[in-house]
Amino acid sequence: MRKDLTNKIKAFCKEEGIDLFGIADIMPIKNEILIKDSILNELDKAVCLGAALSKTILDEIDNKPTKLYFHHYRTTNIFLDQAALRLARIIQKEGFSALPVPASQIVDWQKQSAHLSHKKIGLLAGLGWIGRNNLLVNEKFGSQFRLVTVLTDMDIAAAKPLNKDCGKCFACVTVCPVSAIKKNAKEFDHQKCFSALKDFQRQHVVEQYICGICVKACKGQMTT
């Protein structure tokens, strides 16, 4: 049963053009998920889907985000949200519960928090590690991707987190315009990062709190 369900999800991902796929046990972070307890208590797994960003669009970014990147960011999130909805429908037809969580829906702008952290789900699903840029870093795509999550009660095997890090790569450290990214990943300065996002939005560079500078710098297979 487990294998059949996993294979069915993998086939769906391939058909939909999904670039990353992983299954996580959400028990370690359940207390961080902002979903009604009566619903969340019944869900113990997460299917994490990822879509790679366009390297060409990222290449246009210099010292600030661009309107092309802003549009691409939103469009990729919509693509993932639609894929998550279709996957949730498939899971439900198999007789299980499924809750698709939006790829980018902030519930607290000051804290920059959503219903859950997709990067933490991705970490638990073995899709990468948390890099110096405070983003999930994948071996193939670096941080150049977006994620979405479907919570479920399906009886499927979860992956394990990777025991890896950014090694000798400091590409994101050198490009951060406000020096929010440090050599030690645990010293990432959230407030400096958020101040830069607010400045970009205030200047009408983009209409959402996004940047993309460190995303462009983090290129995956080039990370050593």
N, C-alpha and C. Protein backbone atom coordinates (compact mmCIF):
# COMPACT_ATOMS: atom_id res chain seq x y z
N MET A 1 0.83 -1.21 0.00
CA MET A 1 0.00 0.00 0.00
C MET A 1 0.86 1.26 0.00
N ARG A 2 1.85 1.31 0.92
CA ARG A 2 2.73 2.47 1.00
C ARG A 2 3.43 2.74 -0.32
N LYS A 3 4.01 1.66 -0.90
CA LYS A 3 4.76 1.80 -2.13
C LYS A 3 3.87 2.25 -3.27
N ASP A 4 2.66 1.71 -3.34
CA ASP A 4 1.72 2.08 -4.40
C ASP A 4 1.37 3.56 -4.33
N LEU A 5 1.12 4.04 -3.11
CA LEU A 5 0.77 5.46 -2.93
C LEU A 5 1.94 6.36 -3.29
N THR A 6 3.13 5.99 -2.84
CA THR A 6 4.32 6.79 -3.14
C THR A 6 4.57 6.84 -4.64
N ASN A 7 4.44 5.71 -5.31
CA ASN A 7 4.64 5.66 -6.76
C ASN A 7 3.59 6.50 -7.49
N LYS A 8 2.37 6.50 -6.97
CA LYS A 8 1.31 7.29 -7.59
C LYS A 8 1.61 8.78 -7.48
N ILE A 9 2.13 9.19 -6.32
CA ILE A 9 2.48 10.59 -6.13
C ILE A 9 3.67 10.97 -7.03
N LYS A 10 4.65 10.08 -7.12
CA LYS A 10 5.80 10.34 -7.99
C LYS A 10 5.38 10.49 -9.44
N ALA A 11 4.46 9.64 -9.88
CA ALA A 11 3.97 9.72 -11.25
C ALA A 11 3.25 11.04 -11.48
N PHE A 12 2.48 11.47 -10.49
CA PHE A 12 1.79 12.76 -10.58
C PHE A 12 2.79 13.91 -10.72
N CYS A 13 3.84 13.88 -9.90
CA CYS A 13 4.85 14.93 -9.93
C CYS A 13 5.53 15.01 -11.30
N LYS A 14 5.84 13.85 -11.85
CA LYS A 14 6.48 13.81 -13.16
C LYS A 14 5.57 14.39 -14.23
N GLU A 15 4.31 14.04 -14.16
CA GLU A 15 3.33 14.52 -15.14
C GLU A 15 3.12 16.03 -15.03
N GLU A 16 3.16 16.54 -13.81
CA GLU A 16 2.90 17.96 -13.56
C GLU A 16 4.14 18.83 -13.77
N GLY A 17 5.31 18.22 -13.95
CA GLY A 17 6.52 19.01 -14.12
C GLY A 17 7.12 19.50 -12.82
N ILE A 18 6.84 18.78 -11.72
CA ILE A 18 7.40 19.12 -10.42
C ILE A 18 8.87 18.69 -10.37
N ASP A 19 9.73 19.56 -9.85
CA ASP A 19 11.18 19.30 -9.85
C ASP A 19 11.69 18.63 -8.58
N LEU A 20 10.99 18.85 -7.46
CA LEU A 20 11.41 18.27 -6.18
C LEU A 20 10.20 17.61 -5.51
N PHE A 21 10.45 16.47 -4.88
CA PHE A 21 9.39 15.75 -4.20
C PHE A 21 9.96 15.03 -2.98
N GLY A 22 9.28 15.17 -1.85
CA GLY A 22 9.73 14.47 -0.64
C GLY A 22 8.58 14.31 0.34
N ILE A 23 8.72 13.35 1.23
CA ILE A 23 7.70 13.09 2.24
C ILE A 23 8.31 13.27 3.62
N ALA A 24 7.63 14.01 4.47
CA ALA A 24 8.16 14.32 5.80
C ALA A 24 7.21 13.88 6.91
N ASP A 25 7.79 13.49 8.02
CA ASP A 25 7.05 13.27 9.26
C ASP A 25 7.00 14.62 9.96
N ILE A 26 5.81 15.17 10.17
CA ILE A 26 5.72 16.53 10.71
C ILE A 26 5.66 16.59 12.24
N MET A 27 5.74 15.44 12.90
CA MET A 27 5.64 15.43 14.36
C MET A 27 6.64 16.37 15.05
N PRO A 28 7.91 16.47 14.57
CA PRO A 28 8.88 17.34 15.25
C PRO A 28 8.52 18.83 15.23
N ILE A 29 7.66 19.24 14.29
CA ILE A 29 7.35 20.68 14.19
C ILE A 29 5.85 20.97 14.28
N LYS A 30 5.08 20.03 14.77
CA LYS A 30 3.62 20.23 14.83
C LYS A 30 3.24 21.45 15.65
N ASN A 31 3.99 21.70 16.70
CA ASN A 31 3.67 22.85 17.57
C ASN A 31 3.93 24.19 16.89
N GLU A 32 4.61 24.18 15.74
CA GLU A 32 4.90 25.41 15.01
C GLU A 32 3.89 25.69 13.89
N ILE A 33 3.03 24.72 13.62
CA ILE A 33 2.10 24.85 12.50
C ILE A 33 0.83 25.55 12.94
N LEU A 34 0.47 26.62 12.23
CA LEU A 34 -0.68 27.45 12.61
C LEU A 34 -1.95 26.98 11.90
N ILE A 35 -2.39 25.80 12.28
CA ILE A 35 -3.63 25.21 11.75
C ILE A 35 -4.40 24.65 12.94
N LYS A 36 -5.69 24.76 12.88
CA LYS A 36 -6.57 24.35 13.97
C LYS A 36 -6.21 22.95 14.49
N ASP A 37 -6.03 22.83 15.80
CA ASP A 37 -5.58 21.58 16.41
C ASP A 37 -6.48 20.39 16.06
N SER A 38 -7.78 20.62 16.03
CA SER A 38 -8.71 19.51 15.76
C SER A 38 -8.49 18.92 14.37
N ILE A 39 -7.94 19.72 13.46
CA ILE A 39 -7.61 19.24 12.11
C ILE A 39 -6.20 18.68 12.08
N LEU A 40 -5.26 19.45 12.64
CA LEU A 40 -3.84 19.06 12.59
C LEU A 40 -3.57 17.76 13.32
N ASN A 41 -4.32 17.50 14.39
CA ASN A 41 -4.10 16.28 15.18
C ASN A 41 -4.25 15.01 14.36
N GLU A 42 -5.03 15.09 13.30
CA GLU A 42 -5.28 13.92 12.47
C GLU A 42 -4.26 13.75 11.34
N LEU A 43 -3.41 14.75 11.17
CA LEU A 43 -2.45 14.73 10.07
C LEU A 43 -1.03 14.56 10.61
N ASP A 44 -0.28 13.62 10.07
CA ASP A 44 1.07 13.39 10.59
C ASP A 44 2.16 13.35 9.53
N LYS A 45 1.78 13.48 8.26
CA LYS A 45 2.76 13.45 7.17
C LYS A 45 2.58 14.69 6.30
N ALA A 46 3.62 15.00 5.56
CA ALA A 46 3.56 16.12 4.62
C ALA A 46 4.22 15.71 3.32
N VAL A 47 3.55 16.01 2.23
CA VAL A 47 4.14 15.83 0.91
C VAL A 47 4.65 17.20 0.47
N CYS A 48 5.95 17.29 0.21
CA CYS A 48 6.57 18.57 -0.14
C CYS A 48 6.92 18.55 -1.64
N LEU A 49 6.43 19.54 -2.36
CA LEU A 49 6.68 19.66 -3.80
C LEU A 49 7.48 20.93 -4.08
N GLY A 50 8.39 20.85 -5.03
CA GLY A 50 9.20 22.02 -5.36
C GLY A 50 9.26 22.28 -6.85
N ALA A 51 9.36 23.55 -7.20
CA ALA A 51 9.50 23.95 -8.60
C ALA A 51 10.70 24.88 -8.74
N ALA A 52 11.57 24.56 -9.68
CA ALA A 52 12.78 25.36 -9.89
C ALA A 52 12.42 26.72 -10.48
N LEU A 53 13.19 27.74 -10.07
CA LEU A 53 13.03 29.08 -10.61
C LEU A 53 13.87 29.22 -11.89
N SER A 54 13.50 30.18 -12.70
CA SER A 54 14.22 30.43 -13.95
C SER A 54 15.57 31.08 -13.68
N LYS A 55 16.65 30.43 -14.10
CA LYS A 55 17.98 31.00 -13.92
C LYS A 55 18.14 32.28 -14.73
N THR A 56 17.49 32.34 -15.88
CA THR A 56 17.58 33.53 -16.73
C THR A 56 16.97 34.75 -16.04
N ILE A 57 15.82 34.54 -15.41
CA ILE A 57 15.18 35.65 -14.68
C ILE A 57 16.00 36.04 -13.47
N LEU A 58 16.55 35.06 -12.76
CA LEU A 58 17.40 35.36 -11.61
C LEU A 58 18.65 36.13 -12.02
N ASP A 59 19.18 35.82 -13.21
CA ASP A 59 20.40 36.49 -13.68
C ASP A 59 20.20 37.99 -13.86
N GLU A 60 18.95 38.43 -14.02
CA GLU A 60 18.70 39.87 -14.18
C GLU A 60 18.86 40.63 -12.86
N ILE A 61 18.77 39.91 -11.75
CA ILE A 61 18.88 40.55 -10.44
C ILE A 61 20.32 41.00 -10.21
N ASP A 62 20.48 42.23 -9.77
CA ASP A 62 21.81 42.75 -9.45
C ASP A 62 21.86 43.05 -7.95
N ASN A 63 21.58 44.30 -7.58
CA ASN A 63 21.61 44.68 -6.16
C ASN A 63 20.21 44.90 -5.59
N LYS A 64 19.21 44.45 -6.34
CA LYS A 64 17.83 44.56 -5.88
C LYS A 64 16.95 43.64 -6.74
N PRO A 65 15.78 43.27 -6.22
CA PRO A 65 14.90 42.41 -7.01
C PRO A 65 14.36 43.16 -8.23
N THR A 66 13.86 42.44 -9.19
CA THR A 66 13.32 43.07 -10.40
C THR A 66 11.83 42.74 -10.52
N LYS A 67 11.15 43.51 -11.34
CA LYS A 67 9.72 43.26 -11.55
C LYS A 67 9.50 41.93 -12.26
N LEU A 68 10.44 41.55 -13.11
CA LEU A 68 10.33 40.23 -13.75
C LEU A 68 10.41 39.12 -12.70
N TYR A 69 11.33 39.27 -11.76
CA TYR A 69 11.48 38.26 -10.70
C TYR A 69 10.22 38.22 -9.83
N PHE A 70 9.68 39.39 -9.52
CA PHE A 70 8.47 39.48 -8.71
C PHE A 70 7.32 38.73 -9.39
N HIS A 71 7.15 38.94 -10.68
CA HIS A 71 6.09 38.26 -11.42
C HIS A 71 6.35 36.75 -11.47
N HIS A 72 7.60 36.38 -11.73
CA HIS A 72 7.97 34.97 -11.80
C HIS A 72 7.78 34.27 -10.46
N TYR A 73 8.12 34.96 -9.39
CA TYR A 73 7.95 34.46 -8.02
C TYR A 73 6.48 34.13 -7.77
N ARG A 74 5.61 35.07 -8.11
CA ARG A 74 4.18 34.86 -7.89
C ARG A 74 3.62 33.76 -8.79
N THR A 75 4.05 33.76 -10.06
CA THR A 75 3.56 32.76 -11.00
C THR A 75 3.97 31.35 -10.59
N THR A 76 5.21 31.21 -10.10
CA THR A 76 5.68 29.91 -9.64
C THR A 76 4.89 29.44 -8.42
N ASN A 77 4.57 30.37 -7.53
CA ASN A 77 3.76 30.02 -6.37
C ASN A 77 2.37 29.54 -6.79
N ILE A 78 1.79 30.21 -7.79
CA ILE A 78 0.47 29.82 -8.30
C ILE A 78 0.53 28.42 -8.91
N PHE A 79 1.59 28.18 -9.68
CA PHE A 79 1.80 26.85 -10.28
C PHE A 79 1.84 25.78 -9.20
N LEU A 80 2.58 26.05 -8.12
CA LEU A 80 2.70 25.09 -7.02
C LEU A 80 1.38 24.92 -6.28
N ASP A 81 0.67 26.01 -6.05
CA ASP A 81 -0.62 25.94 -5.37
C ASP A 81 -1.61 25.07 -6.16
N GLN A 82 -1.60 25.23 -7.48
CA GLN A 82 -2.50 24.44 -8.32
C GLN A 82 -2.11 22.96 -8.29
N ALA A 83 -0.80 22.69 -8.30
CA ALA A 83 -0.33 21.30 -8.23
C ALA A 83 -0.71 20.68 -6.88
N ALA A 84 -0.58 21.46 -5.81
CA ALA A 84 -0.92 20.96 -4.47
C ALA A 84 -2.41 20.65 -4.37
N LEU A 85 -3.24 21.50 -4.98
CA LEU A 85 -4.68 21.26 -4.98
C LEU A 85 -5.02 19.97 -5.72
N ARG A 86 -4.39 19.77 -6.88
CA ARG A 86 -4.66 18.56 -7.65
C ARG A 86 -4.18 17.31 -6.90
N LEU A 87 -3.02 17.42 -6.25
CA LEU A 87 -2.52 16.29 -5.47
C LEU A 87 -3.44 15.99 -4.30
N ALA A 88 -3.93 17.03 -3.63
CA ALA A 88 -4.85 16.84 -2.50
C ALA A 88 -6.11 16.11 -2.95
N ARG A 89 -6.59 16.41 -4.14
CA ARG A 89 -7.78 15.74 -4.67
C ARG A 89 -7.50 14.26 -4.93
N ILE A 90 -6.30 13.96 -5.42
CA ILE A 90 -5.92 12.57 -5.66
C ILE A 90 -5.87 11.80 -4.34
N ILE A 91 -5.26 12.43 -3.33
CA ILE A 91 -5.14 11.79 -2.01
C ILE A 91 -6.52 11.53 -1.42
N GLN A 92 -7.41 12.51 -1.54
CA GLN A 92 -8.77 12.36 -1.01
C GLN A 92 -9.52 11.23 -1.71
N LYS A 93 -9.30 11.09 -3.01
CA LYS A 93 -9.97 10.01 -3.76
C LYS A 93 -9.47 8.64 -3.33
N GLU A 94 -8.27 8.61 -2.72
CA GLU A 94 -7.73 7.35 -2.20
C GLU A 94 -8.28 7.05 -0.80
N GLY A 95 -9.10 7.97 -0.28
CA GLY A 95 -9.73 7.75 1.02
C GLY A 95 -9.02 8.36 2.21
N PHE A 96 -8.05 9.27 1.93
CA PHE A 96 -7.29 9.91 3.01
C PHE A 96 -7.61 11.41 3.08
N SER A 97 -7.19 12.02 4.17
CA SER A 97 -7.35 13.47 4.32
C SER A 97 -6.17 14.19 3.68
N ALA A 98 -6.42 15.38 3.17
CA ALA A 98 -5.35 16.17 2.55
C ALA A 98 -5.64 17.64 2.72
N LEU A 99 -4.61 18.38 3.15
CA LEU A 99 -4.75 19.82 3.35
C LEU A 99 -3.62 20.53 2.62
N PRO A 100 -3.90 21.15 1.46
CA PRO A 100 -2.85 21.88 0.75
C PRO A 100 -2.59 23.22 1.43
N VAL A 101 -1.33 23.49 1.75
CA VAL A 101 -0.96 24.74 2.41
C VAL A 101 -0.34 25.67 1.38
N PRO A 102 -0.83 26.90 1.23
CA PRO A 102 -0.35 27.82 0.19
C PRO A 102 1.17 27.98 0.16
N ALA A 103 1.70 28.11 -1.03
CA ALA A 103 3.15 28.27 -1.20
C ALA A 103 3.65 29.57 -0.58
N SER A 104 2.83 30.60 -0.62
CA SER A 104 3.28 31.90 -0.09
C SER A 104 2.08 32.70 0.42
N GLN A 105 1.66 32.41 1.63
CA GLN A 105 0.57 33.16 2.26
C GLN A 105 1.00 33.53 3.67
N ILE A 106 1.39 34.77 3.84
CA ILE A 106 1.87 35.24 5.14
C ILE A 106 0.68 35.54 6.06
N VAL A 107 0.74 35.06 7.29
CA VAL A 107 -0.31 35.36 8.26
C VAL A 107 0.13 36.40 9.27
N ASP A 108 1.45 36.65 9.36
CA ASP A 108 1.99 37.70 10.22
C ASP A 108 3.18 38.32 9.50
N TRP A 109 2.98 39.52 8.91
CA TRP A 109 4.02 40.14 8.10
C TRP A 109 5.23 40.55 8.92
N GLN A 110 5.02 41.03 10.13
CA GLN A 110 6.15 41.47 10.94
C GLN A 110 7.06 40.31 11.30
N LYS A 111 6.46 39.18 11.63
CA LYS A 111 7.23 37.99 11.96
C LYS A 111 7.58 37.17 10.73
N GLN A 112 7.00 37.57 9.58
CA GLN A 112 7.22 36.84 8.34
C GLN A 112 6.88 35.36 8.49
N SER A 113 5.74 35.10 9.15
CA SER A 113 5.35 33.71 9.41
C SER A 113 4.12 33.33 8.59
N ALA A 114 4.06 32.07 8.21
CA ALA A 114 2.94 31.53 7.45
C ALA A 114 2.27 30.43 8.27
N HIS A 115 1.36 29.68 7.64
CA HIS A 115 0.72 28.57 8.36
C HIS A 115 1.75 27.54 8.80
N LEU A 116 2.77 27.38 7.98
CA LEU A 116 3.89 26.50 8.33
C LEU A 116 5.12 26.94 7.55
N SER A 117 6.25 26.41 7.92
CA SER A 117 7.50 26.71 7.22
C SER A 117 7.76 25.62 6.18
N HIS A 118 7.61 25.96 4.91
CA HIS A 118 7.85 24.98 3.85
C HIS A 118 9.32 24.53 3.86
N LYS A 119 10.22 25.44 4.24
CA LYS A 119 11.64 25.03 4.24
C LYS A 119 11.91 23.99 5.31
N LYS A 120 11.20 24.08 6.45
CA LYS A 120 11.38 23.07 7.49
C LYS A 120 10.78 21.73 7.06
N ILE A 121 9.66 21.80 6.34
CA ILE A 121 9.08 20.58 5.78
C ILE A 121 10.05 19.96 4.79
N GLY A 122 10.63 20.81 3.93
CA GLY A 122 11.60 20.33 2.96
C GLY A 122 12.83 19.72 3.62
N LEU A 123 13.25 20.33 4.73
CA LEU A 123 14.38 19.80 5.50
C LEU A 123 14.05 18.41 6.02
N LEU A 124 12.88 18.25 6.63
CA LEU A 124 12.46 16.96 7.18
C LEU A 124 12.25 15.92 6.08
N ALA A 125 11.91 16.41 4.87
CA ALA A 125 11.66 15.51 3.74
C ALA A 125 12.94 15.13 3.01
N GLY A 126 14.09 15.60 3.52
CA GLY A 126 15.36 15.24 2.92
C GLY A 126 15.67 15.94 1.61
N LEU A 127 15.05 17.10 1.38
CA LEU A 127 15.26 17.81 0.12
C LEU A 127 16.45 18.76 0.16
N GLY A 128 17.04 18.94 1.32
CA GLY A 128 18.18 19.85 1.43
C GLY A 128 18.49 20.17 2.88
N TRP A 129 19.25 21.25 3.07
CA TRP A 129 19.64 21.69 4.41
C TRP A 129 19.42 23.19 4.51
N ILE A 130 19.38 23.71 5.72
CA ILE A 130 19.22 25.16 5.90
C ILE A 130 20.59 25.81 5.74
N GLY A 131 20.69 26.67 4.74
CA GLY A 131 21.97 27.29 4.41
C GLY A 131 22.26 28.55 5.20
N ARG A 132 23.39 29.15 4.91
CA ARG A 132 23.77 30.40 5.58
C ARG A 132 22.76 31.51 5.27
N ASN A 133 22.09 31.41 4.13
CA ASN A 133 21.10 32.41 3.74
C ASN A 133 19.74 32.19 4.41
N ASN A 134 19.67 31.24 5.32
CA ASN A 134 18.45 30.91 6.07
C ASN A 134 17.37 30.31 5.18
N LEU A 135 17.77 29.84 4.00
CA LEU A 135 16.84 29.19 3.08
C LEU A 135 17.22 27.71 2.95
N LEU A 136 16.27 26.93 2.45
CA LEU A 136 16.58 25.53 2.17
C LEU A 136 17.49 25.48 0.95
N VAL A 137 18.57 24.71 1.05
CA VAL A 137 19.52 24.56 -0.05
C VAL A 137 19.47 23.12 -0.54
N ASN A 138 19.18 22.95 -1.81
CA ASN A 138 19.13 21.63 -2.43
C ASN A 138 20.41 21.40 -3.22
N GLU A 139 20.87 20.15 -3.26
CA GLU A 139 22.12 19.84 -3.94
C GLU A 139 22.10 20.24 -5.42
N LYS A 140 20.98 20.03 -6.08
CA LYS A 140 20.89 20.32 -7.51
C LYS A 140 20.54 21.77 -7.81
N PHE A 141 19.58 22.33 -7.07
CA PHE A 141 19.04 23.66 -7.40
C PHE A 141 19.53 24.77 -6.49
N GLY A 142 20.33 24.45 -5.49
CA GLY A 142 20.71 25.50 -4.54
C GLY A 142 19.45 25.97 -3.83
N SER A 143 19.27 27.30 -3.76
CA SER A 143 18.03 27.87 -3.20
C SER A 143 17.11 28.39 -4.29
N GLN A 144 17.39 28.02 -5.52
CA GLN A 144 16.64 28.55 -6.66
C GLN A 144 15.39 27.72 -6.96
N PHE A 145 14.50 27.67 -6.00
CA PHE A 145 13.25 26.94 -6.15
C PHE A 145 12.23 27.45 -5.14
N ARG A 146 10.97 27.08 -5.37
CA ARG A 146 9.90 27.41 -4.43
C ARG A 146 9.25 26.10 -3.99
N LEU A 147 8.60 26.11 -2.84
CA LEU A 147 8.01 24.90 -2.27
C LEU A 147 6.53 25.09 -1.93
N VAL A 148 5.83 23.97 -1.90
CA VAL A 148 4.45 23.94 -1.40
C VAL A 148 4.29 22.64 -0.63
N THR A 149 3.29 22.57 0.24
CA THR A 149 3.12 21.41 1.11
C THR A 149 1.67 20.94 1.13
N VAL A 150 1.50 19.62 1.14
CA VAL A 150 0.19 19.02 1.35
C VAL A 150 0.28 18.15 2.59
N LEU A 151 -0.46 18.52 3.63
CA LEU A 151 -0.50 17.72 4.85
C LEU A 151 -1.51 16.58 4.67
N THR A 152 -1.21 15.42 5.23
CA THR A 152 -2.08 14.27 5.01
C THR A 152 -1.95 13.25 6.14
N ASP A 153 -2.88 12.31 6.15
CA ASP A 153 -2.81 11.18 7.09
C ASP A 153 -2.49 9.89 6.35
N MET A 154 -2.00 10.00 5.12
CA MET A 154 -1.64 8.80 4.35
C MET A 154 -0.57 7.99 5.05
N ASP A 155 -0.66 6.70 4.95
CA ASP A 155 0.35 5.81 5.52
C ASP A 155 1.48 5.62 4.50
N ILE A 156 2.36 6.61 4.45
CA ILE A 156 3.49 6.56 3.52
C ILE A 156 4.78 6.79 4.29
N ALA A 157 5.85 6.22 3.77
CA ALA A 157 7.14 6.30 4.46
C ALA A 157 7.76 7.69 4.30
N ALA A 158 8.20 8.26 5.41
CA ALA A 158 8.84 9.57 5.39
C ALA A 158 10.35 9.44 5.20
N ALA A 159 10.93 10.46 4.61
CA ALA A 159 12.39 10.50 4.43
C ALA A 159 13.05 10.99 5.71
N LYS A 160 14.37 11.04 5.69
CA LYS A 160 15.13 11.56 6.82
C LYS A 160 15.92 12.79 6.37
N PRO A 161 16.14 13.75 7.27
CA PRO A 161 16.92 14.94 6.91
C PRO A 161 18.33 14.57 6.47
N LEU A 162 18.89 15.38 5.56
CA LEU A 162 20.25 15.15 5.09
C LEU A 162 21.26 15.66 6.11
N ASN A 163 22.37 14.99 6.21
CA ASN A 163 23.44 15.44 7.09
C ASN A 163 24.48 16.19 6.25
N LYS A 164 24.09 17.36 5.75
CA LYS A 164 24.96 18.14 4.88
C LYS A 164 24.86 19.63 5.23
N ASP A 165 25.79 20.41 4.69
CA ASP A 165 25.75 21.86 4.88
C ASP A 165 26.39 22.54 3.68
N CYS A 166 26.59 23.83 3.78
CA CYS A 166 27.11 24.61 2.65
C CYS A 166 28.61 24.46 2.44
N GLY A 167 29.28 23.79 3.36
CA GLY A 167 30.70 23.56 3.19
C GLY A 167 31.51 24.84 3.07
N LYS A 168 32.28 24.93 2.00
CA LYS A 168 33.17 26.08 1.80
C LYS A 168 32.55 27.18 0.94
N CYS A 169 31.26 27.04 0.64
CA CYS A 169 30.59 28.05 -0.18
C CYS A 169 30.09 29.21 0.68
N PHE A 170 30.50 30.43 0.31
CA PHE A 170 30.07 31.64 1.01
C PHE A 170 29.48 32.65 0.01
N ALA A 171 28.97 32.14 -1.12
CA ALA A 171 28.48 33.02 -2.18
C ALA A 171 27.39 33.98 -1.70
N CYS A 172 26.48 33.49 -0.86
CA CYS A 172 25.38 34.35 -0.40
C CYS A 172 25.87 35.39 0.60
N VAL A 173 26.91 35.07 1.35
CA VAL A 173 27.44 35.99 2.36
C VAL A 173 27.97 37.26 1.69
N THR A 174 28.66 37.09 0.59
CA THR A 174 29.32 38.23 -0.06
C THR A 174 28.36 39.14 -0.82
N VAL A 175 27.15 38.64 -1.19
CA VAL A 175 26.25 39.46 -2.01
C VAL A 175 25.15 40.14 -1.20
N CYS A 176 24.92 39.72 0.03
CA CYS A 176 23.81 40.31 0.81
C CYS A 176 24.03 41.81 0.99
N PRO A 177 23.08 42.65 0.54
CA PRO A 177 23.27 44.10 0.59
C PRO A 177 23.25 44.71 1.99
N VAL A 178 22.75 43.95 2.98
CA VAL A 178 22.68 44.48 4.35
C VAL A 178 23.49 43.63 5.34
N SER A 179 24.31 42.73 4.81
CA SER A 179 25.15 41.86 5.65
C SER A 179 24.35 41.07 6.68
N ALA A 180 23.17 40.63 6.29
CA ALA A 180 22.35 39.82 7.19
C ALA A 180 22.84 38.38 7.25
N ILE A 181 23.57 37.95 6.22
CA ILE A 181 24.04 36.57 6.14
C ILE A 181 25.47 36.48 6.67
N LYS A 182 25.67 35.60 7.62
CA LYS A 182 26.97 35.45 8.27
C LYS A 182 27.62 34.13 7.88
N LYS A 183 28.89 33.99 8.23
CA LYS A 183 29.59 32.74 7.95
C LYS A 183 28.99 31.59 8.73
N ASN A 184 28.53 31.89 9.95
CA ASN A 184 27.85 30.90 10.76
C ASN A 184 26.34 31.02 10.50
N ALA A 185 25.73 29.96 9.98
CA ALA A 185 24.32 29.99 9.60
C ALA A 185 23.40 30.38 10.77
N LYS A 186 23.80 30.02 11.98
CA LYS A 186 22.97 30.32 13.15
C LYS A 186 22.95 31.81 13.50
N GLU A 187 23.85 32.58 12.90
CA GLU A 187 23.93 34.01 13.20
C GLU A 187 23.18 34.86 12.18
N PHE A 188 22.39 34.22 11.31
CA PHE A 188 21.62 34.98 10.32
C PHE A 188 20.80 36.06 11.01
N ASP A 189 20.86 37.30 10.49
CA ASP A 189 20.19 38.44 11.11
C ASP A 189 18.83 38.67 10.44
N HIS A 190 17.78 38.15 11.06
CA HIS A 190 16.43 38.26 10.49
C HIS A 190 15.98 39.71 10.37
N GLN A 191 16.31 40.53 11.34
CA GLN A 191 15.85 41.92 11.33
C GLN A 191 16.49 42.71 10.19
N LYS A 192 17.79 42.51 9.96
CA LYS A 192 18.45 43.20 8.84
C LYS A 192 17.85 42.77 7.51
N CYS A 193 17.59 41.48 7.39
CA CYS A 193 17.00 40.96 6.16
C CYS A 193 15.62 41.58 5.94
N PHE A 194 14.81 41.59 6.97
CA PHE A 194 13.45 42.13 6.84
C PHE A 194 13.48 43.62 6.54
N SER A 195 14.45 44.35 7.10
CA SER A 195 14.55 45.78 6.83
C SER A 195 14.84 46.03 5.34
N ALA A 196 15.65 45.16 4.74
CA ALA A 196 15.94 45.30 3.31
C ALA A 196 14.69 45.02 2.48
N LEU A 197 13.92 44.00 2.88
CA LEU A 197 12.69 43.68 2.16
C LEU A 197 11.70 44.85 2.23
N LYS A 198 11.61 45.47 3.40
CA LYS A 198 10.71 46.62 3.55
C LYS A 198 11.16 47.80 2.70
N ASP A 199 12.46 48.01 2.60
CA ASP A 199 12.99 49.10 1.78
C ASP A 199 12.66 48.88 0.30
N PHE A 200 12.83 47.65 -0.17
CA PHE A 200 12.51 47.36 -1.57
C PHE A 200 11.02 47.61 -1.85
N GLN A 201 10.18 47.23 -0.88
CA GLN A 201 8.75 47.42 -1.06
C GLN A 201 8.38 48.89 -0.97
N ARG A 202 9.03 49.62 -0.04
CA ARG A 202 8.76 51.04 0.15
C ARG A 202 9.16 51.85 -1.08
N GLN A 203 10.23 51.42 -1.74
CA GLN A 203 10.71 52.10 -2.94
C GLN A 203 9.95 51.68 -4.20
N HIS A 204 8.97 50.79 -4.01
CA HIS A 204 8.16 50.27 -5.12
C HIS A 204 8.99 49.53 -6.15
N VAL A 205 10.10 48.95 -5.69
CA VAL A 205 10.89 48.08 -6.56
C VAL A 205 10.06 46.84 -6.88
N VAL A 206 9.46 46.27 -5.82
CA VAL A 206 8.50 45.17 -5.95
C VAL A 206 7.39 45.43 -4.95
N GLU A 207 6.25 44.78 -5.14
CA GLU A 207 5.09 45.05 -4.29
C GLU A 207 4.90 44.00 -3.20
N GLN A 208 5.93 43.22 -2.93
CA GLN A 208 5.86 42.21 -1.88
C GLN A 208 7.23 42.13 -1.22
N TYR A 209 7.28 41.61 -0.01
CA TYR A 209 8.55 41.52 0.70
C TYR A 209 9.38 40.35 0.16
N ILE A 210 10.05 40.58 -0.96
CA ILE A 210 10.95 39.59 -1.53
C ILE A 210 12.24 40.28 -1.97
N CYS A 211 13.29 39.48 -2.14
CA CYS A 211 14.58 40.04 -2.54
C CYS A 211 15.15 39.26 -3.72
N GLY A 212 15.68 38.05 -3.48
CA GLY A 212 16.19 37.22 -4.56
C GLY A 212 17.68 37.30 -4.79
N ILE A 213 18.37 38.21 -4.10
CA ILE A 213 19.81 38.39 -4.32
C ILE A 213 20.58 37.14 -3.87
N CYS A 214 20.30 36.65 -2.68
CA CYS A 214 21.00 35.46 -2.21
C CYS A 214 20.51 34.20 -2.91
N VAL A 215 19.27 34.23 -3.39
CA VAL A 215 18.73 33.10 -4.15
C VAL A 215 19.52 32.94 -5.45
N LYS A 216 19.76 34.07 -6.12
CA LYS A 216 20.56 34.04 -7.35
C LYS A 216 21.96 33.48 -7.09
N ALA A 217 22.54 33.83 -5.95
CA ALA A 217 23.93 33.43 -5.65
C ALA A 217 24.05 31.95 -5.31
N CYS A 218 22.97 31.34 -4.82
CA CYS A 218 23.02 29.96 -4.36
C CYS A 218 22.62 29.01 -5.50
N LYS A 219 23.61 28.35 -6.11
CA LYS A 219 23.38 27.63 -7.35
C LYS A 219 23.49 26.12 -7.26
N GLY A 220 23.42 25.57 -6.10
CA GLY A 220 23.31 24.13 -5.99
C GLY A 220 24.56 23.35 -6.34
N GLN A 221 24.58 22.73 -7.50
CA GLN A 221 25.66 21.86 -7.88
C GLN A 221 27.02 22.57 -7.87
N MET A 222 26.98 23.89 -7.95
CA MET A 222 28.21 24.66 -7.86
C MET A 222 28.63 24.88 -6.42
N THR A 223 27.70 24.59 -5.47
CA THR A 223 28.01 24.74 -4.05
C THR A 223 28.92 23.60 -3.60
N THR A 224 30.01 23.92 -2.93
CA THR A 224 30.95 22.88 -2.49
C THR A 224 31.21 23.00 -1.00
